[in-house]
């Protein structure tokens, strides 16, 4: 049986999906975009969106008593791969070695006009 995750400190889903689900100690979090959960608005710049995405991931982790070290894999969606180096710089500040496994792809568009989306898989 899966358990649905609903954390009020992270943005609510913008579609018909859950913030995440847990199954057998593995947590599958839906992609986070740079929405500020207090205002419901998307941050304006890429850097601000990236920082907000990281804060939103932290909120989801904290709501399930997990830490960044519990993250096994991330998938990053960028509307412009020119921002790839900025993501790498943020990773150094967000994660410690050993880094989680990661995929990164360029996509033509993201919900609400976001410039970046990151989804994570974590385990207890």
PDB file of N, CA and C in Angstrom:
ATOM      1  N   UNK A   1       0.837  -1.181   0.000  1.00  0.00           N
ATOM      2  CA  UNK A   1       0.000   0.000   0.000  1.00  0.00           C
ATOM      3  C   UNK A   1       0.879   1.241   0.000  1.00  0.00           C
ATOM      4  N   UNK A   2       0.546   2.189  -0.841  1.00  0.00           N
ATOM      5  CA  UNK A   2       1.321   3.423  -0.881  1.00  0.00           C
ATOM      6  C   UNK A   2       0.702   4.453   0.056  1.00  0.00           C
ATOM      7  N   UNK A   3       1.540   5.314   0.575  1.00  0.00           N
ATOM      8  CA  UNK A   3       1.104   6.414   1.426  1.00  0.00           C
ATOM      9  C   UNK A   3       1.319   7.718   0.664  1.00  0.00           C
ATOM     10  N   UNK A   4       0.300   8.551   0.610  1.00  0.00           N
ATOM     11  CA  UNK A   4       0.382   9.826  -0.099  1.00  0.00           C
ATOM     12  C   UNK A   4       0.976  10.877   0.822  1.00  0.00           C
ATOM     13  N   UNK A   5       1.856  11.692   0.267  1.00  0.00           N
ATOM     14  CA  UNK A   5       2.512  12.752   1.020  1.00  0.00           C
ATOM     15  C   UNK A   5       1.816  14.069   0.707  1.00  0.00           C
ATOM     16  N   UNK A   6       1.466  14.808   1.750  1.00  0.00           N
ATOM     17  CA  UNK A   6       0.858  16.126   1.580  1.00  0.00           C
ATOM     18  C   UNK A   6       1.446  17.035   2.647  1.00  0.00           C
ATOM     19  N   UNK A   7       2.338  17.925   2.238  1.00  0.00           N
ATOM     20  CA  UNK A   7       3.049  18.788   3.157  1.00  0.00           C
ATOM     21  C   UNK A   7       2.662  20.232   2.861  1.00  0.00           C
ATOM     22  N   UNK A   8       2.128  20.922   3.840  1.00  0.00           N
ATOM     23  CA  UNK A   8       1.676  22.300   3.629  1.00  0.00           C
ATOM     24  C   UNK A   8       2.823  23.300   3.555  1.00  0.00           C
ATOM     25  N   UNK A   9       4.060  22.888   3.902  1.00  0.00           N
ATOM     26  CA  UNK A   9       5.209  23.784   3.814  1.00  0.00           C
ATOM     27  C   UNK A   9       5.825  23.803   2.423  1.00  0.00           C
ATOM     28  N   UNK A  10       5.325  22.954   1.549  1.00  0.00           N
ATOM     29  CA  UNK A  10       5.774  22.927   0.152  1.00  0.00           C
ATOM     30  C   UNK A  10       4.581  23.294  -0.716  1.00  0.00           C
ATOM     31  N   UNK A  11       4.829  23.765  -1.943  1.00  0.00           N
ATOM     32  CA  UNK A  11       3.699  24.132  -2.808  1.00  0.00           C
ATOM     33  C   UNK A  11       2.779  22.942  -3.065  1.00  0.00           C
ATOM     34  N   UNK A  12       1.502  23.220  -3.115  1.00  0.00           N
ATOM     35  CA  UNK A  12       0.536  22.181  -3.448  1.00  0.00           C
ATOM     36  C   UNK A  12       0.655  21.843  -4.926  1.00  0.00           C
ATOM     37  N   UNK A  13       0.260  20.660  -5.290  1.00  0.00           N
ATOM     38  CA  UNK A  13       0.320  20.214  -6.682  1.00  0.00           C
ATOM     39  C   UNK A  13      -0.484  21.158  -7.571  1.00  0.00           C
ATOM     40  N   UNK A  14       0.033  21.411  -8.768  1.00  0.00           N
ATOM     41  CA  UNK A  14      -0.663  22.284  -9.712  1.00  0.00           C
ATOM     42  C   UNK A  14      -1.488  21.475 -10.711  1.00  0.00           C
ATOM     43  N   UNK A  15      -1.592  20.179 -10.487  1.00  0.00           N
ATOM     44  CA  UNK A  15      -2.365  19.300 -11.361  1.00  0.00           C
ATOM     45  C   UNK A  15      -2.908  18.125 -10.584  1.00  0.00           C
ATOM     46  N   UNK A  16      -3.298  17.111 -11.294  1.00  0.00           N
ATOM     47  CA  UNK A  16      -3.896  15.927 -10.671  1.00  0.00           C
ATOM     48  C   UNK A  16      -2.812  14.914 -10.309  1.00  0.00           C
ATOM     49  N   UNK A  17      -2.042  15.256  -9.289  1.00  0.00           N
ATOM     50  CA  UNK A  17      -0.994  14.369  -8.786  1.00  0.00           C
ATOM     51  C   UNK A  17      -0.727  14.712  -7.331  1.00  0.00           C
ATOM     52  N   UNK A  18      -0.033  13.842  -6.650  1.00  0.00           N
ATOM     53  CA  UNK A  18       0.336  14.053  -5.248  1.00  0.00           C
ATOM     54  C   UNK A  18       1.707  14.704  -5.170  1.00  0.00           C
ATOM     55  N   UNK A  19       1.990  15.366  -4.057  1.00  0.00           N
ATOM     56  CA  UNK A  19       3.336  15.895  -3.835  1.00  0.00           C
ATOM     57  C   UNK A  19       4.347  14.753  -3.846  1.00  0.00           C
ATOM     58  N   UNK A  20       3.911  13.611  -3.425  1.00  0.00           N
ATOM     59  CA  UNK A  20       4.770  12.437  -3.419  1.00  0.00           C
ATOM     60  C   UNK A  20       4.030  11.251  -2.852  1.00  0.00           C
ATOM     61  N   UNK A  21       4.639  10.099  -3.019  1.00  0.00           N
ATOM     62  CA  UNK A  21       4.112   8.875  -2.430  1.00  0.00           C
ATOM     63  C   UNK A  21       5.279   8.100  -1.830  1.00  0.00           C
ATOM     64  N   UNK A  22       4.951   7.344  -0.786  1.00  0.00           N
ATOM     65  CA  UNK A  22       5.934   6.478  -0.148  1.00  0.00           C
ATOM     66  C   UNK A  22       5.471   5.049  -0.330  1.00  0.00           C
ATOM     67  N   UNK A  23       6.400   4.178  -0.683  1.00  0.00           N
ATOM     68  CA  UNK A  23       6.085   2.753  -0.824  1.00  0.00           C
ATOM     69  C   UNK A  23       7.292   1.970  -0.329  1.00  0.00           C
ATOM     70  N   UNK A  24       7.079   1.173   0.700  1.00  0.00           N
ATOM     71  CA  UNK A  24       8.133   0.335   1.272  1.00  0.00           C
ATOM     72  C   UNK A  24       9.400   1.119   1.628  1.00  0.00           C
ATOM     73  N   UNK A  25       9.223   2.305   2.194  1.00  0.00           N
ATOM     74  CA  UNK A  25      10.363   3.094   2.636  1.00  0.00           C
ATOM     75  C   UNK A  25      11.056   3.902   1.555  1.00  0.00           C
ATOM     76  N   UNK A  26      10.523   3.858   0.327  1.00  0.00           N
ATOM     77  CA  UNK A  26      11.073   4.666  -0.764  1.00  0.00           C
ATOM     78  C   UNK A  26      10.079   5.780  -1.058  1.00  0.00           C
ATOM     79  N   UNK A  27      10.587   6.995  -1.164  1.00  0.00           N
ATOM     80  CA  UNK A  27       9.759   8.182  -1.356  1.00  0.00           C
ATOM     81  C   UNK A  27       9.971   8.720  -2.772  1.00  0.00           C
ATOM     82  N   UNK A  28       8.887   8.832  -3.498  1.00  0.00           N
ATOM     83  CA  UNK A  28       8.905   9.341  -4.862  1.00  0.00           C
ATOM     84  C   UNK A  28       8.222  10.711  -4.836  1.00  0.00           C
ATOM     85  N   UNK A  29       9.034  11.771  -4.902  1.00  0.00           N
ATOM     86  CA  UNK A  29       8.484  13.117  -4.834  1.00  0.00           C
ATOM     87  C   UNK A  29       8.255  13.661  -6.234  1.00  0.00           C
ATOM     88  N   UNK A  30       7.123  14.287  -6.426  1.00  0.00           N
ATOM     89  CA  UNK A  30       6.825  14.919  -7.707  1.00  0.00           C
ATOM     90  C   UNK A  30       7.784  16.073  -7.938  1.00  0.00           C
ATOM     91  N   UNK A  31       7.956  16.425  -9.191  1.00  0.00           N
ATOM     92  CA  UNK A  31       8.852  17.510  -9.549  1.00  0.00           C
ATOM     93  C   UNK A  31       8.453  18.810  -8.890  1.00  0.00           C
ATOM     94  N   UNK A  32       9.455  19.532  -8.425  1.00  0.00           N
ATOM     95  CA  UNK A  32       9.248  20.832  -7.798  1.00  0.00           C
ATOM     96  C   UNK A  32       9.696  21.923  -8.750  1.00  0.00           C
ATOM     97  N   UNK A  33       8.851  22.924  -8.905  1.00  0.00           N
ATOM     98  CA  UNK A  33       9.219  24.116  -9.660  1.00  0.00           C
ATOM     99  C   UNK A  33       9.342  25.256  -8.650  1.00  0.00           C
ATOM    100  N   UNK A  34       9.776  26.409  -9.106  1.00  0.00           N
ATOM    101  CA  UNK A  34      10.102  27.516  -8.216  1.00  0.00           C
ATOM    102  C   UNK A  34       8.918  28.303  -7.700  1.00  0.00           C
ATOM    103  N   UNK A  35       7.887  27.612  -7.243  1.00  0.00           N
ATOM    104  CA  UNK A  35       6.716  28.280  -6.670  1.00  0.00           C
ATOM    105  C   UNK A  35       6.953  28.531  -5.186  1.00  0.00           C
ATOM    106  N   UNK A  36       6.726  29.759  -4.773  1.00  0.00           N
ATOM    107  CA  UNK A  36       6.794  30.107  -3.364  1.00  0.00           C
ATOM    108  C   UNK A  36       5.497  29.618  -2.711  1.00  0.00           C
ATOM    109  N   UNK A  37       5.577  28.718  -1.716  1.00  0.00           N
ATOM    110  CA  UNK A  37       4.352  28.170  -1.123  1.00  0.00           C
ATOM    111  C   UNK A  37       3.519  29.216  -0.378  1.00  0.00           C
ATOM    112  N   UNK A  38       4.145  30.304   0.058  1.00  0.00           N
ATOM    113  CA  UNK A  38       3.400  31.352   0.773  1.00  0.00           C
ATOM    114  C   UNK A  38       2.544  32.189  -0.172  1.00  0.00           C
ATOM    115  N   UNK A  39       3.116  32.534  -1.317  1.00  0.00           N
ATOM    116  CA  UNK A  39       2.389  33.396  -2.262  1.00  0.00           C
ATOM    117  C   UNK A  39       1.694  32.615  -3.367  1.00  0.00           C
ATOM    118  N   UNK A  40       2.166  31.400  -3.635  1.00  0.00           N
ATOM    119  CA  UNK A  40       1.633  30.624  -4.753  1.00  0.00           C
ATOM    120  C   UNK A  40       2.151  31.099  -6.095  1.00  0.00           C
ATOM    121  N   UNK A  41       3.111  32.019  -6.067  1.00  0.00           N
ATOM    122  CA  UNK A  41       3.659  32.600  -7.297  1.00  0.00           C
ATOM    123  C   UNK A  41       5.014  31.983  -7.647  1.00  0.00           C
ATOM    124  N   UNK A  42       5.282  31.935  -8.934  1.00  0.00           N
ATOM    125  CA  UNK A  42       6.557  31.453  -9.441  1.00  0.00           C
ATOM    126  C   UNK A  42       7.607  32.547  -9.284  1.00  0.00           C
ATOM    127  N   UNK A  43       8.778  32.183  -8.765  1.00  0.00           N
ATOM    128  CA  UNK A  43       9.881  33.141  -8.678  1.00  0.00           C
ATOM    129  C   UNK A  43      10.249  33.601 -10.089  1.00  0.00           C
ATOM    130  N   UNK A  44      10.823  34.782 -10.217  1.00  0.00           N
ATOM    131  CA  UNK A  44      11.027  35.402 -11.536  1.00  0.00           C
ATOM    132  C   UNK A  44      12.267  34.915 -12.284  1.00  0.00           C
ATOM    133  N   UNK A  45      13.430  34.908 -11.634  1.00  0.00           N
ATOM    134  CA  UNK A  45      14.669  34.598 -12.343  1.00  0.00           C
ATOM    135  C   UNK A  45      15.028  33.119 -12.202  1.00  0.00           C
ATOM    136  N   UNK A  46      15.936  32.656 -13.064  1.00  0.00           N
ATOM    137  CA  UNK A  46      16.377  31.262 -12.965  1.00  0.00           C
ATOM    138  C   UNK A  46      16.995  30.991 -11.606  1.00  0.00           C
ATOM    139  N   UNK A  47      17.905  31.876 -11.154  1.00  0.00           N
ATOM    140  CA  UNK A  47      18.557  31.666  -9.855  1.00  0.00           C
ATOM    141  C   UNK A  47      17.542  31.595  -8.718  1.00  0.00           C
ATOM    142  N   UNK A  48      16.567  32.494  -8.728  1.00  0.00           N
ATOM    143  CA  UNK A  48      15.543  32.477  -7.682  1.00  0.00           C
ATOM    144  C   UNK A  48      14.699  31.208  -7.755  1.00  0.00           C
ATOM    145  N   UNK A  49      14.365  30.772  -8.968  1.00  0.00           N
ATOM    146  CA  UNK A  49      13.600  29.537  -9.114  1.00  0.00           C
ATOM    147  C   UNK A  49      14.412  28.342  -8.615  1.00  0.00           C
ATOM    148  N   UNK A  50      15.685  28.297  -8.963  1.00  0.00           N
ATOM    149  CA  UNK A  50      16.548  27.199  -8.524  1.00  0.00           C
ATOM    150  C   UNK A  50      16.619  27.137  -7.002  1.00  0.00           C
ATOM    151  N   UNK A  51      16.837  28.289  -6.356  1.00  0.00           N
ATOM    152  CA  UNK A  51      16.901  28.310  -4.893  1.00  0.00           C
ATOM    153  C   UNK A  51      15.568  27.898  -4.268  1.00  0.00           C
ATOM    154  N   UNK A  52      14.457  28.335  -4.855  1.00  0.00           N
ATOM    155  CA  UNK A  52      13.138  27.981  -4.341  1.00  0.00           C
ATOM    156  C   UNK A  52      12.880  26.491  -4.515  1.00  0.00           C
ATOM    157  N   UNK A  53      13.279  25.920  -5.641  1.00  0.00           N
ATOM    158  CA  UNK A  53      13.122  24.477  -5.850  1.00  0.00           C
ATOM    159  C   UNK A  53      13.836  23.718  -4.744  1.00  0.00           C
ATOM    160  N   UNK A  54      15.058  24.127  -4.427  1.00  0.00           N
ATOM    161  CA  UNK A  54      15.828  23.453  -3.374  1.00  0.00           C
ATOM    162  C   UNK A  54      15.124  23.589  -2.014  1.00  0.00           C
ATOM    163  N   UNK A  55      14.586  24.775  -1.734  1.00  0.00           N
ATOM    164  CA  UNK A  55      13.850  24.971  -0.479  1.00  0.00           C
ATOM    165  C   UNK A  55      12.598  24.100  -0.452  1.00  0.00           C
ATOM    166  N   UNK A  56      11.921  23.984  -1.585  1.00  0.00           N
ATOM    167  CA  UNK A  56      10.719  23.152  -1.642  1.00  0.00           C
ATOM    168  C   UNK A  56      11.062  21.681  -1.427  1.00  0.00           C
ATOM    169  N   UNK A  57      12.180  21.241  -1.983  1.00  0.00           N
ATOM    170  CA  UNK A  57      12.624  19.860  -1.755  1.00  0.00           C
ATOM    171  C   UNK A  57      12.920  19.654  -0.281  1.00  0.00           C
ATOM    172  N   UNK A  58      13.610  20.608   0.346  1.00  0.00           N
ATOM    173  CA  UNK A  58      13.879  20.512   1.782  1.00  0.00           C
ATOM    174  C   UNK A  58      12.580  20.399   2.580  1.00  0.00           C
ATOM    175  N   UNK A  59      11.578  21.175   2.213  1.00  0.00           N
ATOM    176  CA  UNK A  59      10.298  21.133   2.928  1.00  0.00           C
ATOM    177  C   UNK A  59       9.657  19.755   2.812  1.00  0.00           C
ATOM    178  N   UNK A  60       9.699  19.174   1.625  1.00  0.00           N
ATOM    179  CA  UNK A  60       9.132  17.830   1.450  1.00  0.00           C
ATOM    180  C   UNK A  60       9.899  16.811   2.276  1.00  0.00           C
ATOM    181  N   UNK A  61      11.208  16.914   2.268  1.00  0.00           N
ATOM    182  CA  UNK A  61      12.017  15.983   3.058  1.00  0.00           C
ATOM    183  C   UNK A  61      11.725  16.131   4.545  1.00  0.00           C
ATOM    184  N   UNK A  62      11.726  17.361   5.034  1.00  0.00           N
ATOM    185  CA  UNK A  62      11.468  17.606   6.457  1.00  0.00           C
ATOM    186  C   UNK A  62      10.097  17.092   6.866  1.00  0.00           C
ATOM    187  N   UNK A  63       9.119  17.233   5.987  1.00  0.00           N
ATOM    188  CA  UNK A  63       7.770  16.769   6.289  1.00  0.00           C
ATOM    189  C   UNK A  63       7.644  15.262   6.401  1.00  0.00           C
ATOM    190  N   UNK A  64       8.659  14.553   5.919  1.00  0.00           N
ATOM    191  CA  UNK A  64       8.654  13.086   6.004  1.00  0.00           C
ATOM    192  C   UNK A  64       9.814  12.580   6.858  1.00  0.00           C
ATOM    193  N   UNK A  65      10.415  13.499   7.633  1.00  0.00           N
ATOM    194  CA  UNK A  65      11.543  13.169   8.514  1.00  0.00           C
ATOM    195  C   UNK A  65      12.720  12.564   7.758  1.00  0.00           C
ATOM    196  N   UNK A  66      12.970  13.103   6.576  1.00  0.00           N
ATOM    197  CA  UNK A  66      14.121  12.696   5.781  1.00  0.00           C
ATOM    198  C   UNK A  66      15.073  13.870   5.673  1.00  0.00           C
ATOM    199  N   UNK A  67      16.294  13.587   5.254  1.00  0.00           N
ATOM    200  CA  UNK A  67      17.308  14.610   5.048  1.00  0.00           C
ATOM    201  C   UNK A  67      17.822  14.506   3.617  1.00  0.00           C
ATOM    202  N   UNK A  68      18.581  15.491   3.230  1.00  0.00           N
ATOM    203  CA  UNK A  68      19.154  15.475   1.876  1.00  0.00           C
ATOM    204  C   UNK A  68      19.953  14.207   1.618  1.00  0.00           C
ATOM    205  N   UNK A  69      20.604  13.685   2.655  1.00  0.00           N
ATOM    206  CA  UNK A  69      21.413  12.472   2.516  1.00  0.00           C
ATOM    207  C   UNK A  69      20.561  11.261   2.134  1.00  0.00           C
ATOM    208  N   UNK A  70      19.242  11.338   2.333  1.00  0.00           N
ATOM    209  CA  UNK A  70      18.354  10.239   1.974  1.00  0.00           C
ATOM    210  C   UNK A  70      18.014  10.219   0.483  1.00  0.00           C
ATOM    211  N   UNK A  71      18.371  11.286  -0.231  1.00  0.00           N
ATOM    212  CA  UNK A  71      18.045  11.348  -1.658  1.00  0.00           C
ATOM    213  C   UNK A  71      18.958  10.406  -2.434  1.00  0.00           C
ATOM    214  N   UNK A  72      18.336   9.527  -3.204  1.00  0.00           N
ATOM    215  CA  UNK A  72      19.064   8.566  -4.025  1.00  0.00           C
ATOM    216  C   UNK A  72      19.282   9.068  -5.446  1.00  0.00           C
ATOM    217  N   UNK A  73      18.259   9.751  -6.000  1.00  0.00           N
ATOM    218  CA  UNK A  73      18.272  10.113  -7.423  1.00  0.00           C
ATOM    219  C   UNK A  73      17.503  11.393  -7.623  1.00  0.00           C
ATOM    220  N   UNK A  74      18.003  12.232  -8.505  1.00  0.00           N
ATOM    221  CA  UNK A  74      17.270  13.421  -8.922  1.00  0.00           C
ATOM    222  C   UNK A  74      17.129  13.397 -10.439  1.00  0.00           C
ATOM    223  N   UNK A  75      16.061  13.988 -10.909  1.00  0.00           N
ATOM    224  CA  UNK A  75      15.886  14.226 -12.336  1.00  0.00           C
ATOM    225  C   UNK A  75      15.624  15.714 -12.490  1.00  0.00           C
ATOM    226  N   UNK A  76      16.417  16.342 -13.336  1.00  0.00           N
ATOM    227  CA  UNK A  76      16.341  17.786 -13.531  1.00  0.00           C
ATOM    228  C   UNK A  76      15.839  18.061 -14.940  1.00  0.00           C
ATOM    229  N   UNK A  77      14.860  18.945 -15.025  1.00  0.00           N
ATOM    230  CA  UNK A  77      14.316  19.382 -16.306  1.00  0.00           C
ATOM    231  C   UNK A  77      14.633  20.864 -16.450  1.00  0.00           C
ATOM    232  N   UNK A  78      15.331  21.232 -17.520  1.00  0.00           N
ATOM    233  CA  UNK A  78      15.696  22.621 -17.794  1.00  0.00           C
ATOM    234  C   UNK A  78      15.110  23.048 -19.129  1.00  0.00           C
ATOM    235  N   UNK A  79      14.656  24.277 -19.195  1.00  0.00           N
ATOM    236  CA  UNK A  79      14.205  24.787 -20.487  1.00  0.00           C
ATOM    237  C   UNK A  79      15.384  25.317 -21.299  1.00  0.00           C
ATOM    238  N   UNK A  80      16.563  25.437 -20.662  1.00  0.00           N
ATOM    239  CA  UNK A  80      17.758  25.893 -21.365  1.00  0.00           C
ATOM    240  C   UNK A  80      18.979  25.236 -20.721  1.00  0.00           C
ATOM    241  N   UNK A  81      19.634  24.336 -21.452  1.00  0.00           N
ATOM    242  CA  UNK A  81      20.802  23.645 -20.907  1.00  0.00           C
ATOM    243  C   UNK A  81      21.977  24.591 -20.646  1.00  0.00           C
ATOM    244  N   UNK A  82      21.900  25.811 -21.106  1.00  0.00           N
ATOM    245  CA  UNK A  82      22.931  26.798 -20.777  1.00  0.00           C
ATOM    246  C   UNK A  82      22.984  27.043 -19.271  1.00  0.00           C
ATOM    247  N   UNK A  83      21.916  26.709 -18.549  1.00  0.00           N
ATOM    248  CA  UNK A  83      21.868  26.879 -17.095  1.00  0.00           C
ATOM    249  C   UNK A  83      22.439  25.677 -16.336  1.00  0.00           C
ATOM    250  N   UNK A  84      22.951  24.680 -17.067  1.00  0.00           N
ATOM    251  CA  UNK A  84      23.469  23.459 -16.448  1.00  0.00           C
ATOM    252  C   UNK A  84      24.573  23.760 -15.427  1.00  0.00           C
ATOM    253  N   UNK A  85      25.477  24.689 -15.749  1.00  0.00           N
ATOM    254  CA  UNK A  85      26.573  24.997 -14.815  1.00  0.00           C
ATOM    255  C   UNK A  85      26.043  25.640 -13.533  1.00  0.00           C
ATOM    256  N   UNK A  86      24.970  26.412 -13.626  1.00  0.00           N
ATOM    257  CA  UNK A  86      24.374  27.007 -12.425  1.00  0.00           C
ATOM    258  C   UNK A  86      23.792  25.927 -11.517  1.00  0.00           C
ATOM    259  N   UNK A  87      23.222  24.907 -12.123  1.00  0.00           N
ATOM    260  CA  UNK A  87      22.690  23.789 -11.343  1.00  0.00           C
ATOM    261  C   UNK A  87      23.835  23.056 -10.648  1.00  0.00           C
ATOM    262  N   UNK A  88      24.935  22.839 -11.350  1.00  0.00           N
ATOM    263  CA  UNK A  88      26.089  22.175 -10.736  1.00  0.00           C
ATOM    264  C   UNK A  88      26.608  22.966  -9.544  1.00  0.00           C
ATOM    265  N   UNK A  89      26.683  24.280  -9.676  1.00  0.00           N
ATOM    266  CA  UNK A  89      27.136  25.132  -8.566  1.00  0.00           C
ATOM    267  C   UNK A  89      26.192  25.002  -7.372  1.00  0.00           C
ATOM    268  N   UNK A  90      24.896  24.994  -7.627  1.00  0.00           N
ATOM    269  CA  UNK A  90      23.918  24.862  -6.542  1.00  0.00           C
ATOM    270  C   UNK A  90      24.028  23.497  -5.872  1.00  0.00           C
ATOM    271  N   UNK A  91      24.316  22.468  -6.654  1.00  0.00           N
ATOM    272  CA  UNK A  91      24.459  21.116  -6.102  1.00  0.00           C
ATOM    273  C   UNK A  91      25.571  21.059  -5.061  1.00  0.00           C
ATOM    274  N   UNK A  92      26.665  21.757  -5.339  1.00  0.00           N
ATOM    275  CA  UNK A  92      27.795  21.743  -4.403  1.00  0.00           C
ATOM    276  C   UNK A  92      27.377  22.307  -3.049  1.00  0.00           C
ATOM    277  N   UNK A  93      26.506  23.305  -3.056  1.00  0.00           N
ATOM    278  CA  UNK A  93      26.022  23.877  -1.808  1.00  0.00           C
ATOM    279  C   UNK A  93      24.883  23.102  -1.170  1.00  0.00           C
ATOM    280  N   UNK A  94      24.185  22.321  -1.966  1.00  0.00           N
ATOM    281  CA  UNK A  94      22.992  21.621  -1.481  1.00  0.00           C
ATOM    282  C   UNK A  94      23.318  20.214  -1.004  1.00  0.00           C
ATOM    283  N   UNK A  95      24.178  19.508  -1.733  1.00  0.00           N
ATOM    284  CA  UNK A  95      24.525  18.116  -1.423  1.00  0.00           C
ATOM    285  C   UNK A  95      25.975  18.001  -1.000  1.00  0.00           C
ATOM    286  N   UNK A  96      26.240  16.938  -0.273  1.00  0.00           N
ATOM    287  CA  UNK A  96      27.607  16.544   0.055  1.00  0.00           C
ATOM    288  C   UNK A  96      27.899  15.249  -0.691  1.00  0.00           C
ATOM    289  N   UNK A  97      29.181  15.002  -0.927  1.00  0.00           N
ATOM    290  CA  UNK A  97      29.557  13.738  -1.558  1.00  0.00           C
ATOM    291  C   UNK A  97      29.287  12.588  -0.607  1.00  0.00           C
ATOM    292  N   UNK A  98      28.887  11.453  -1.068  1.00  0.00           N
ATOM    293  CA  UNK A  98      28.641  11.119  -2.472  1.00  0.00           C
ATOM    294  C   UNK A  98      27.306  11.717  -2.931  1.00  0.00           C
ATOM    295  N   UNK A  99      27.336  12.332  -4.106  1.00  0.00           N
ATOM    296  CA  UNK A  99      26.143  12.959  -4.652  1.00  0.00           C
ATOM    297  C   UNK A  99      25.141  11.899  -5.097  1.00  0.00           C
ATOM    298  N   UNK A 100      23.855  12.257  -5.096  1.00  0.00           N
ATOM    299  CA  UNK A 100      22.868  11.295  -5.611  1.00  0.00           C
ATOM    300  C   UNK A 100      23.065  11.078  -7.113  1.00  0.00           C
ATOM    301  N   UNK A 101      22.541   9.980  -7.609  1.00  0.00           N
ATOM    302  CA  UNK A 101      22.502   9.771  -9.052  1.00  0.00           C
ATOM    303  C   UNK A 101      21.645  10.882  -9.648  1.00  0.00           C
ATOM    304  N   UNK A 102      21.883  11.204 -10.933  1.00  0.00           N
ATOM    305  CA  UNK A 102      21.179  12.348 -11.500  1.00  0.00           C
ATOM    306  C   UNK A 102      21.038  12.203 -13.007  1.00  0.00           C
ATOM    307  N   UNK A 103      19.904  12.663 -13.486  1.00  0.00           N
ATOM    308  CA  UNK A 103      19.673  12.840 -14.920  1.00  0.00           C
ATOM    309  C   UNK A 103      19.287  14.288 -15.125  1.00  0.00           C
ATOM    310  N   UNK A 104      19.638  14.831 -16.284  1.00  0.00           N
ATOM    311  CA  UNK A 104      19.278  16.208 -16.601  1.00  0.00           C
ATOM    312  C   UNK A 104      18.930  16.274 -18.082  1.00  0.00           C
ATOM    313  N   UNK A 105      17.773  16.830 -18.378  1.00  0.00           N
ATOM    314  CA  UNK A 105      17.337  16.938 -19.769  1.00  0.00           C
ATOM    315  C   UNK A 105      16.787  18.330 -20.036  1.00  0.00           C
ATOM    316  N   UNK A 106      16.920  18.749 -21.291  1.00  0.00           N
ATOM    317  CA  UNK A 106      16.298  19.994 -21.716  1.00  0.00           C
ATOM    318  C   UNK A 106      14.915  19.673 -22.255  1.00  0.00           C
ATOM    319  N   UNK A 107      13.948  20.489 -21.865  1.00  0.00           N
ATOM    320  CA  UNK A 107      12.567  20.330 -22.309  1.00  0.00           C
ATOM    321  C   UNK A 107      12.097  21.648 -22.921  1.00  0.00           C
ATOM    322  N   UNK A 108      11.107  21.589 -23.820  1.00  0.00           N
ATOM    323  CA  UNK A 108      10.660  22.829 -24.453  1.00  0.00           C
ATOM    324  C   UNK A 108       9.891  23.757 -23.513  1.00  0.00           C
ATOM    325  N   UNK A 109       9.206  23.213 -22.522  1.00  0.00           N
ATOM    326  CA  UNK A 109       8.407  24.048 -21.615  1.00  0.00           C
ATOM    327  C   UNK A 109       8.124  23.273 -20.338  1.00  0.00           C
ATOM    328  N   UNK A 110       7.840  24.037 -19.267  1.00  0.00           N
ATOM    329  CA  UNK A 110       7.468  23.454 -17.980  1.00  0.00           C
ATOM    330  C   UNK A 110       6.203  24.140 -17.481  1.00  0.00           C
ATOM    331  N   UNK A 111       5.489  23.513 -16.536  1.00  0.00           N
ATOM    332  CA  UNK A 111       4.257  24.118 -16.017  1.00  0.00           C
ATOM    333  C   UNK A 111       4.483  25.536 -15.506  1.00  0.00           C
ATOM    334  N   UNK A 112       3.504  26.384 -15.736  1.00  0.00           N
ATOM    335  CA  UNK A 112       3.474  27.772 -15.262  1.00  0.00           C
ATOM    336  C   UNK A 112       4.620  28.625 -15.810  1.00  0.00           C
ATOM    337  N   UNK A 113       5.288  28.147 -16.857  1.00  0.00           N
ATOM    338  CA  UNK A 113       6.398  28.900 -17.421  1.00  0.00           C
ATOM    339  C   UNK A 113       7.689  28.768 -16.632  1.00  0.00           C
ATOM    340  N   UNK A 114       7.790  27.753 -15.771  1.00  0.00           N
ATOM    341  CA  UNK A 114       8.993  27.540 -14.966  1.00  0.00           C
ATOM    342  C   UNK A 114      10.198  27.297 -15.871  1.00  0.00           C
ATOM    343  N   UNK A 115      11.373  27.615 -15.356  1.00  0.00           N
ATOM    344  CA  UNK A 115      12.623  27.432 -16.083  1.00  0.00           C
ATOM    345  C   UNK A 115      13.361  26.173 -15.659  1.00  0.00           C
ATOM    346  N   UNK A 116      12.982  25.623 -14.484  1.00  0.00           N
ATOM    347  CA  UNK A 116      13.624  24.432 -13.951  1.00  0.00           C
ATOM    348  C   UNK A 116      12.606  23.651 -13.129  1.00  0.00           C
ATOM    349  N   UNK A 117      12.740  22.331 -13.156  1.00  0.00           N
ATOM    350  CA  UNK A 117      11.941  21.439 -12.311  1.00  0.00           C
ATOM    351  C   UNK A 117      12.870  20.316 -11.877  1.00  0.00           C
ATOM    352  N   UNK A 118      12.777  19.944 -10.613  1.00  0.00           N
ATOM    353  CA  UNK A 118      13.581  18.836 -10.087  1.00  0.00           C
ATOM    354  C   UNK A 118      12.673  17.885  -9.326  1.00  0.00           C
ATOM    355  N   UNK A 119      12.798  16.605  -9.664  1.00  0.00           N
ATOM    356  CA  UNK A 119      12.094  15.580  -8.897  1.00  0.00           C
ATOM    357  C   UNK A 119      13.145  14.716  -8.186  1.00  0.00           C
ATOM    358  N   UNK A 120      12.761  14.165  -7.037  1.00  0.00           N
ATOM    359  CA  UNK A 120      13.707  13.362  -6.262  1.00  0.00           C
ATOM    360  C   UNK A 120      13.073  12.062  -5.818  1.00  0.00           C
ATOM    361  N   UNK A 121      13.950  11.073  -5.658  1.00  0.00           N
ATOM    362  CA  UNK A 121      13.591   9.794  -5.049  1.00  0.00           C
ATOM    363  C   UNK A 121      14.498   9.646  -3.830  1.00  0.00           C
ATOM    364  N   UNK A 122      13.898   9.346  -2.697  1.00  0.00           N
ATOM    365  CA  UNK A 122      14.653   9.205  -1.452  1.00  0.00           C
ATOM    366  C   UNK A 122      14.239   7.916  -0.759  1.00  0.00           C
ATOM    367  N   UNK A 123      15.061   7.453   0.149  1.00  0.00           N
ATOM    368  CA  UNK A 123      14.754   6.231   0.904  1.00  0.00           C
ATOM    369  C   UNK A 123      15.108   6.423   2.361  1.00  0.00           C
ATOM    370  N   UNK A 124      14.324   5.784   3.204  1.00  0.00           N
ATOM    371  CA  UNK A 124      14.577   5.842   4.637  1.00  0.00           C
ATOM    372  C   UNK A 124      15.722   4.935   4.980  1.00  0.00           C
TER     373      UNK A 124
END
